[in-house]
Amino acid sequence: MVGDGKVLARSKLLRAGQKVVLRASIAGMQKLELHAEGGEGHNHQSWAIWADPVIGK
């Protein structure tokens, strides 16, 4: 998770069936981005699924 060009939160590499909850303060942020990177040094057969992203107070 990147806000205004700064990394706010990052998860470890996840495998099928795993999930993680990321939390970060985004107060005052103008731009929020969700990034995904390939695992194991490549993007071959890498997937990113953002299920139910929520922004709250």
PDB file of N, CA and C in Angstrom:
ATOM      1  N   MET A   1       0.853  -1.154   0.000  1.00  0.00           N
ATOM      2  CA  MET A   1       0.000   0.000   0.000  1.00  0.00           C
ATOM      3  C   MET A   1       0.905   1.224   0.000  1.00  0.00           C
ATOM      4  N   VAL A   2       0.661   2.119  -0.946  1.00  0.00           N
ATOM      5  CA  VAL A   2       1.494   3.312  -1.117  1.00  0.00           C
ATOM      6  C   VAL A   2       0.596   4.536  -1.046  1.00  0.00           C
ATOM      7  N   GLY A   3       0.987   5.514  -0.260  1.00  0.00           N
ATOM      8  CA  GLY A   3       0.248   6.759  -0.154  1.00  0.00           C
ATOM      9  C   GLY A   3       1.151   7.926  -0.460  1.00  0.00           C
ATOM     10  N   ASP A   4       0.785   8.713  -1.441  1.00  0.00           N
ATOM     11  CA  ASP A   4       1.589   9.867  -1.858  1.00  0.00           C
ATOM     12  C   ASP A   4       3.052   9.497  -2.086  1.00  0.00           C
ATOM     13  N   GLY A   5       3.282   8.331  -2.679  1.00  0.00           N
ATOM     14  CA  GLY A   5       4.630   7.899  -3.041  1.00  0.00           C
ATOM     15  C   GLY A   5       5.426   7.227  -1.934  1.00  0.00           C
ATOM     16  N   LYS A   6       4.855   7.075  -0.743  1.00  0.00           N
ATOM     17  CA  LYS A   6       5.547   6.439   0.378  1.00  0.00           C
ATOM     18  C   LYS A   6       4.898   5.094   0.707  1.00  0.00           C
ATOM     19  N   VAL A   7       5.723   4.068   0.965  1.00  0.00           N
ATOM     20  CA  VAL A   7       5.199   2.762   1.342  1.00  0.00           C
ATOM     21  C   VAL A   7       4.600   2.861   2.745  1.00  0.00           C
ATOM     22  N   LEU A   8       3.322   2.544   2.858  1.00  0.00           N
ATOM     23  CA  LEU A   8       2.614   2.617   4.140  1.00  0.00           C
ATOM     24  C   LEU A   8       2.497   1.251   4.805  1.00  0.00           C
ATOM     25  N   ALA A   9       2.353   0.213   3.997  1.00  0.00           N
ATOM     26  CA  ALA A   9       2.219  -1.149   4.520  1.00  0.00           C
ATOM     27  C   ALA A   9       2.602  -2.121   3.410  1.00  0.00           C
ATOM     28  N   ARG A  10       3.111  -3.266   3.833  1.00  0.00           N
ATOM     29  CA  ARG A  10       3.539  -4.292   2.876  1.00  0.00           C
ATOM     30  C   ARG A  10       3.337  -5.653   3.523  1.00  0.00           C
ATOM     31  N   SER A  11       2.864  -6.617   2.738  1.00  0.00           N
ATOM     32  CA  SER A  11       2.689  -7.958   3.281  1.00  0.00           C
ATOM     33  C   SER A  11       3.808  -8.867   2.789  1.00  0.00           C
ATOM     34  N   LYS A  12       3.941  -9.993   3.446  1.00  0.00           N
ATOM     35  CA  LYS A  12       4.877 -11.023   2.993  1.00  0.00           C
ATOM     36  C   LYS A  12       4.266 -11.709   1.775  1.00  0.00           C
ATOM     37  N   LEU A  13       5.019 -12.539   1.107  1.00  0.00           N
ATOM     38  CA  LEU A  13       4.521 -13.331   0.005  1.00  0.00           C
ATOM     39  C   LEU A  13       3.498 -14.326   0.534  1.00  0.00           C
ATOM     40  N   LEU A  14       2.322 -14.345  -0.060  1.00  0.00           N
ATOM     41  CA  LEU A  14       1.255 -15.234   0.387  1.00  0.00           C
ATOM     42  C   LEU A  14       1.054 -16.361  -0.611  1.00  0.00           C
ATOM     43  N   ARG A  15       0.635 -17.497  -0.122  1.00  0.00           N
ATOM     44  CA  ARG A  15       0.332 -18.667  -0.956  1.00  0.00           C
ATOM     45  C   ARG A  15      -1.179 -18.845  -1.038  1.00  0.00           C
ATOM     46  N   ALA A  16      -1.639 -19.724  -1.897  1.00  0.00           N
ATOM     47  CA  ALA A  16      -3.068 -19.979  -2.073  1.00  0.00           C
ATOM     48  C   ALA A  16      -3.729 -20.250  -0.724  1.00  0.00           C
ATOM     49  N   GLY A  17      -4.857 -19.590  -0.490  1.00  0.00           N
ATOM     50  CA  GLY A  17      -5.611 -19.790   0.740  1.00  0.00           C
ATOM     51  C   GLY A  17      -5.187 -18.900   1.895  1.00  0.00           C
ATOM     52  N   GLN A  18      -4.061 -18.198   1.762  1.00  0.00           N
ATOM     53  CA  GLN A  18      -3.621 -17.310   2.829  1.00  0.00           C
ATOM     54  C   GLN A  18      -4.207 -15.921   2.617  1.00  0.00           C
ATOM     55  N   LYS A  19      -4.332 -15.173   3.705  1.00  0.00           N
ATOM     56  CA  LYS A  19      -4.795 -13.792   3.606  1.00  0.00           C
ATOM     57  C   LYS A  19      -4.088 -12.958   4.665  1.00  0.00           C
ATOM     58  N   VAL A  20      -4.133 -11.660   4.462  1.00  0.00           N
ATOM     59  CA  VAL A  20      -3.519 -10.733   5.402  1.00  0.00           C
ATOM     60  C   VAL A  20      -4.371  -9.463   5.439  1.00  0.00           C
ATOM     61  N   VAL A  21      -4.416  -8.836   6.594  1.00  0.00           N
ATOM     62  CA  VAL A  21      -5.088  -7.548   6.753  1.00  0.00           C
ATOM     63  C   VAL A  21      -4.002  -6.495   6.913  1.00  0.00           C
ATOM     64  N   LEU A  22      -4.025  -5.484   6.050  1.00  0.00           N
ATOM     65  CA  LEU A  22      -3.066  -4.384   6.145  1.00  0.00           C
ATOM     66  C   LEU A  22      -3.772  -3.171   6.732  1.00  0.00           C
ATOM     67  N   ARG A  23      -3.118  -2.509   7.658  1.00  0.00           N
ATOM     68  CA  ARG A  23      -3.667  -1.291   8.251  1.00  0.00           C
ATOM     69  C   ARG A  23      -2.598  -0.212   8.215  1.00  0.00           C
ATOM     70  N   ALA A  24      -3.022   0.998   7.852  1.00  0.00           N
ATOM     71  CA  ALA A  24      -2.102   2.131   7.810  1.00  0.00           C
ATOM     72  C   ALA A  24      -2.907   3.415   7.907  1.00  0.00           C
ATOM     73  N   SER A  25      -2.307   4.427   8.477  1.00  0.00           N
ATOM     74  CA  SER A  25      -2.962   5.733   8.523  1.00  0.00           C
ATOM     75  C   SER A  25      -2.829   6.389   7.152  1.00  0.00           C
ATOM     76  N   ILE A  26      -3.952   6.837   6.618  1.00  0.00           N
ATOM     77  CA  ILE A  26      -3.926   7.538   5.336  1.00  0.00           C
ATOM     78  C   ILE A  26      -4.418   8.977   5.495  1.00  0.00           C
ATOM     79  N   ALA A  27      -4.400   9.458   6.733  1.00  0.00           N
ATOM     80  CA  ALA A  27      -4.842  10.824   7.011  1.00  0.00           C
ATOM     81  C   ALA A  27      -4.035  11.812   6.184  1.00  0.00           C
ATOM     82  N   GLY A  28      -4.715  12.679   5.488  1.00  0.00           N
ATOM     83  CA  GLY A  28      -4.070  13.719   4.692  1.00  0.00           C
ATOM     84  C   GLY A  28      -3.508  13.261   3.357  1.00  0.00           C
ATOM     85  N   MET A  29      -3.645  11.986   3.035  1.00  0.00           N
ATOM     86  CA  MET A  29      -3.109  11.470   1.770  1.00  0.00           C
ATOM     87  C   MET A  29      -3.967  11.948   0.600  1.00  0.00           C
ATOM     88  N   GLN A  30      -3.323  12.260  -0.505  1.00  0.00           N
ATOM     89  CA  GLN A  30      -4.021  12.670  -1.716  1.00  0.00           C
ATOM     90  C   GLN A  30      -4.187  11.513  -2.697  1.00  0.00           C
ATOM     91  N   LYS A  31      -3.242  10.562  -2.668  1.00  0.00           N
ATOM     92  CA  LYS A  31      -3.273   9.456  -3.617  1.00  0.00           C
ATOM     93  C   LYS A  31      -2.916   8.162  -2.896  1.00  0.00           C
ATOM     94  N   LEU A  32      -3.765   7.144  -3.012  1.00  0.00           N
ATOM     95  CA  LEU A  32      -3.547   5.840  -2.408  1.00  0.00           C
ATOM     96  C   LEU A  32      -3.461   4.806  -3.519  1.00  0.00           C
ATOM     97  N   GLU A  33      -2.415   3.955  -3.489  1.00  0.00           N
ATOM     98  CA  GLU A  33      -2.211   2.941  -4.512  1.00  0.00           C
ATOM     99  C   GLU A  33      -2.043   1.572  -3.861  1.00  0.00           C
ATOM    100  N   LEU A  34      -2.593   0.553  -4.508  1.00  0.00           N
ATOM    101  CA  LEU A  34      -2.393  -0.830  -4.097  1.00  0.00           C
ATOM    102  C   LEU A  34      -1.492  -1.470  -5.140  1.00  0.00           C
ATOM    103  N   HIS A  35      -0.322  -1.922  -4.738  1.00  0.00           N
ATOM    104  CA  HIS A  35       0.653  -2.507  -5.658  1.00  0.00           C
ATOM    105  C   HIS A  35       0.759  -4.005  -5.412  1.00  0.00           C
ATOM    106  N   ALA A  36       1.084  -4.741  -6.442  1.00  0.00           N
ATOM    107  CA  ALA A  36       1.360  -6.169  -6.331  1.00  0.00           C
ATOM    108  C   ALA A  36       2.636  -6.473  -7.111  1.00  0.00           C
ATOM    109  N   GLU A  37       3.465  -7.332  -6.559  1.00  0.00           N
ATOM    110  CA  GLU A  37       4.719  -7.722  -7.201  1.00  0.00           C
ATOM    111  C   GLU A  37       4.726  -9.228  -7.409  1.00  0.00           C
ATOM    112  N   GLY A  38       5.443  -9.669  -8.420  1.00  0.00           N
ATOM    113  CA  GLY A  38       5.593 -11.099  -8.654  1.00  0.00           C
ATOM    114  C   GLY A  38       6.413 -11.734  -7.548  1.00  0.00           C
ATOM    115  N   GLY A  39       6.118 -12.960  -7.248  1.00  0.00           N
ATOM    116  CA  GLY A  39       6.861 -13.680  -6.220  1.00  0.00           C
ATOM    117  C   GLY A  39       8.026 -14.446  -6.810  1.00  0.00           C
ATOM    118  N   GLU A  40       8.958 -14.780  -5.984  1.00  0.00           N
ATOM    119  CA  GLU A  40      10.092 -15.623  -6.349  1.00  0.00           C
ATOM    120  C   GLU A  40      10.897 -15.047  -7.505  1.00  0.00           C
ATOM    121  N   GLY A  41      10.965 -13.717  -7.594  1.00  0.00           N
ATOM    122  CA  GLY A  41      11.825 -13.063  -8.571  1.00  0.00           C
ATOM    123  C   GLY A  41      11.266 -12.938  -9.972  1.00  0.00           C
ATOM    124  N   HIS A  42      10.011 -13.296 -10.182  1.00  0.00           N
ATOM    125  CA  HIS A  42       9.406 -13.166 -11.512  1.00  0.00           C
ATOM    126  C   HIS A  42       7.902 -12.970 -11.372  1.00  0.00           C
ATOM    127  N   ASN A  43       7.248 -12.631 -12.478  1.00  0.00           N
ATOM    128  CA  ASN A  43       5.800 -12.426 -12.468  1.00  0.00           C
ATOM    129  C   ASN A  43       5.041 -13.621 -13.033  1.00  0.00           C
ATOM    130  N   HIS A  44       5.737 -14.669 -13.451  1.00  0.00           N
ATOM    131  CA  HIS A  44       5.094 -15.829 -14.059  1.00  0.00           C
ATOM    132  C   HIS A  44       4.156 -16.510 -13.058  1.00  0.00           C
ATOM    133  N   GLN A  45       2.912 -16.642 -13.413  1.00  0.00           N
ATOM    134  CA  GLN A  45       1.870 -17.252 -12.589  1.00  0.00           C
ATOM    135  C   GLN A  45       1.701 -16.567 -11.223  1.00  0.00           C
ATOM    136  N   SER A  46       1.958 -15.277 -11.167  1.00  0.00           N
ATOM    137  CA  SER A  46       1.726 -14.503  -9.946  1.00  0.00           C
ATOM    138  C   SER A  46       0.369 -13.813 -10.061  1.00  0.00           C
ATOM    139  N   TRP A  47      -0.374 -13.798  -8.977  1.00  0.00           N
ATOM    140  CA  TRP A  47      -1.701 -13.222  -8.953  1.00  0.00           C
ATOM    141  C   TRP A  47      -1.849 -12.264  -7.774  1.00  0.00           C
ATOM    142  N   ALA A  48      -2.682 -11.271  -7.954  1.00  0.00           N
ATOM    143  CA  ALA A  48      -3.042 -10.381  -6.852  1.00  0.00           C
ATOM    144  C   ALA A  48      -4.550 -10.251  -6.848  1.00  0.00           C
ATOM    145  N   ILE A  49      -5.162 -10.511  -5.709  1.00  0.00           N
ATOM    146  CA  ILE A  49      -6.608 -10.369  -5.579  1.00  0.00           C
ATOM    147  C   ILE A  49      -6.872  -9.473  -4.373  1.00  0.00           C
ATOM    148  N   TRP A  50      -7.421  -8.306  -4.639  1.00  0.00           N
ATOM    149  CA  TRP A  50      -7.746  -7.376  -3.558  1.00  0.00           C
ATOM    150  C   TRP A  50      -9.215  -7.612  -3.219  1.00  0.00           C
ATOM    151  N   ALA A  51      -9.476  -8.409  -2.219  1.00  0.00           N
ATOM    152  CA  ALA A  51     -10.849  -8.760  -1.843  1.00  0.00           C
ATOM    153  C   ALA A  51     -11.364  -7.808  -0.784  1.00  0.00           C
ATOM    154  N   ASP A  52     -12.433  -7.120  -1.109  1.00  0.00           N
ATOM    155  CA  ASP A  52     -13.125  -6.222  -0.177  1.00  0.00           C
ATOM    156  C   ASP A  52     -12.229  -5.163   0.460  1.00  0.00           C
ATOM    157  N   PRO A  53     -11.468  -4.392  -0.314  1.00  0.00           N
ATOM    158  CA  PRO A  53     -10.680  -3.325   0.317  1.00  0.00           C
ATOM    159  C   PRO A  53     -11.622  -2.291   0.955  1.00  0.00           C
ATOM    160  N   VAL A  54     -11.291  -1.843   2.151  1.00  0.00           N
ATOM    161  CA  VAL A  54     -12.126  -0.928   2.910  1.00  0.00           C
ATOM    162  C   VAL A  54     -11.281   0.243   3.406  1.00  0.00           C
ATOM    163  N   ILE A  55     -11.803   1.434   3.253  1.00  0.00           N
ATOM    164  CA  ILE A  55     -11.172   2.614   3.840  1.00  0.00           C
ATOM    165  C   ILE A  55     -12.119   3.104   4.920  1.00  0.00           C
ATOM    166  N   GLY A  56     -11.611   3.242   6.138  1.00  0.00           N
ATOM    167  CA  GLY A  56     -12.471   3.650   7.242  1.00  0.00           C
ATOM    168  C   GLY A  56     -11.754   4.565   8.207  1.00  0.00           C
ATOM    169  N   LYS A  57     -12.503   5.045   9.150  1.00  0.00           N
ATOM    170  CA  LYS A  57     -11.942   5.938  10.171  1.00  0.00           C
ATOM    171  C   LYS A  57     -11.522   5.134  11.372  1.00  0.00           C
TER     172      LYS A  57
END
